Protein backbone atom coordinates (compact mmCIF):
# COMPACT_ATOMS: atom_id res chain seq x y z
CA MET A 1 27.05 21.52 -18.83
CA HIS A 2 30.39 21.85 -20.63
CA GLU A 3 29.59 25.51 -21.41
CA HIS A 4 30.94 26.56 -18.01
CA GLY A 5 34.34 25.09 -18.83
CA ILE A 6 34.29 26.78 -22.23
CA ALA A 7 33.35 30.10 -20.61
CA LYS A 8 36.30 29.74 -18.22
CA GLU A 9 38.71 29.11 -21.11
CA LEU A 10 37.33 32.08 -23.06
CA TRP A 11 37.62 34.18 -19.90
CA LYS A 12 41.36 33.43 -19.68
CA ILE A 13 41.72 34.87 -23.19
CA VAL A 14 39.65 37.92 -22.26
CA LEU A 15 41.78 38.64 -19.19
CA ALA A 16 45.04 38.22 -21.10
CA GLU A 17 43.86 40.59 -23.85
CA ALA A 18 42.53 43.11 -21.32
CA GLN A 19 45.87 43.14 -19.53
CA LYS A 20 47.79 43.39 -22.81
CA ASN A 21 45.66 46.38 -23.86
CA ASN A 22 45.57 48.09 -20.44
CA ILE A 23 41.81 47.61 -20.00
CA SER A 24 40.86 47.91 -16.35
CA LYS A 25 37.07 47.71 -16.85
CA ILE A 26 35.40 45.52 -19.47
CA THR A 27 32.19 47.07 -20.73
CA LYS A 28 31.31 44.79 -23.62
CA LEU A 29 32.35 41.34 -24.75
CA THR A 30 31.44 39.81 -28.12
CA ILE A 31 31.66 36.05 -28.56
CA ALA A 32 31.51 34.38 -31.97
CA LEU A 33 29.48 31.21 -31.65
CA GLY A 34 29.35 28.69 -34.47
CA GLU A 35 25.98 27.25 -35.46
CA ALA A 36 27.42 23.72 -35.29
CA SER A 37 29.67 24.27 -32.25
CA GLY A 38 27.43 22.21 -29.98
CA ILE A 39 27.42 25.05 -27.45
CA GLU A 40 24.13 26.25 -26.01
CA LYS A 41 24.16 30.07 -25.98
CA ASP A 42 21.88 30.31 -22.94
CA PHE A 43 24.11 28.03 -20.85
CA LEU A 44 27.26 29.86 -21.98
CA ASN A 45 25.64 33.21 -21.21
CA HIS A 46 24.59 31.96 -17.76
CA SER A 47 28.18 30.93 -17.03
CA PHE A 48 29.50 34.35 -18.02
CA VAL A 49 26.86 36.57 -16.46
CA ASP A 50 25.99 34.66 -13.29
CA HIS A 51 29.40 33.24 -12.47
CA ILE A 52 32.39 34.81 -14.17
CA PHE A 53 31.21 38.44 -14.36
CA MET A 54 29.87 38.33 -10.81
CA GLU A 55 33.17 37.01 -9.47
CA ASN A 56 35.42 39.45 -11.33
CA GLU A 57 35.27 43.16 -10.60
CA ILE A 58 36.76 43.98 -14.00
CA ALA A 59 33.62 42.67 -15.74
CA LYS A 60 30.76 43.53 -13.37
CA GLY A 61 27.95 45.08 -15.39
CA ALA A 62 29.53 44.21 -18.73
CA VAL A 63 27.30 43.50 -21.71
CA ILE A 64 27.83 40.27 -23.58
CA GLU A 65 26.79 39.82 -27.20
CA TYR A 66 26.88 36.75 -29.40
CA GLU A 67 27.55 36.74 -33.09
CA PHE A 68 26.34 33.54 -34.67
CA MET A 69 28.59 32.00 -37.32
CA PRO A 70 26.68 30.08 -39.96
CA LEU A 71 27.55 26.55 -40.93
CA ALA A 72 29.42 26.35 -44.23
CA ALA A 73 31.09 23.44 -46.01
CA LYS A 74 32.96 22.78 -49.22
CA CYS A 75 33.35 19.65 -51.31
CA ASN A 76 36.97 18.55 -51.40
CA ILE A 77 36.50 16.98 -54.83
CA CYS A 78 34.69 19.61 -56.93
CA SER A 79 35.00 22.68 -54.59
CA PHE A 80 31.22 23.14 -54.53
CA ASP A 81 29.95 25.27 -51.63
CA VAL A 82 27.63 22.94 -49.74
CA LYS A 83 24.73 24.66 -47.97
CA PRO A 84 23.58 23.54 -44.51
CA SER A 85 20.26 22.42 -46.00
CA ASP A 86 22.22 20.05 -48.30
CA MET A 87 24.24 18.49 -45.46
CA SER A 88 21.54 16.08 -44.29
CA GLU A 89 22.61 13.72 -47.06
CA LEU A 90 26.33 14.01 -46.17
CA VAL A 91 27.20 14.05 -49.86
CA CYS A 92 27.98 16.88 -52.23
CA PRO A 93 24.81 17.79 -54.15
CA ASN A 94 26.97 18.61 -57.17
CA CYS A 95 29.24 15.54 -57.58
CA LYS A 96 27.78 13.16 -54.95
CA SER A 97 31.15 12.81 -53.18
CA GLY A 98 31.14 12.21 -49.44
CA ASP A 99 34.44 14.10 -49.11
CA ILE A 100 33.11 17.32 -47.58
CA SER A 101 34.89 19.63 -45.13
CA VAL A 102 33.17 21.99 -42.74
CA ILE A 103 34.90 25.34 -43.20
CA SER A 104 33.00 27.40 -40.64
CA GLY A 105 30.29 27.13 -38.04
CA ARG A 106 32.04 24.95 -35.47
CA GLU A 107 34.18 27.69 -33.97
CA THR A 108 33.74 29.63 -30.75
CA TYR A 109 36.04 32.52 -29.92
CA VAL A 110 36.35 35.97 -28.39
CA LYS A 111 35.58 38.35 -31.23
CA SER A 112 36.01 41.65 -29.41
CA ILE A 113 36.49 43.24 -26.02
CA GLU A 114 35.51 46.81 -25.21
CA GLY A 115 36.44 48.64 -22.08
CA GLU A 116 38.13 51.50 -20.34
């Protein structure tokens, strides 16, 4: 379960931002989670709620929300926006090139922190 390690790394960012913004009590945390990140939301949530929040007074009782980032890709040859449903072929449906870059959907980051 690599989600626990990811939660710990995200938590370091949360604490740094809370300190930087003089937040002494975190009430809500929003995590952006890419569709193709390989991270299981339920495992990540378990790590936050049952481990990190329980062990840190600053976050006890905080709400955590997830915003899912859709998978998006672009052909590097013809600039065609490749839809996730077209990616099973691993070629651009427009020019048939295999030179495709994922431009979003793999990321995971702290989107926002709310608190007092």
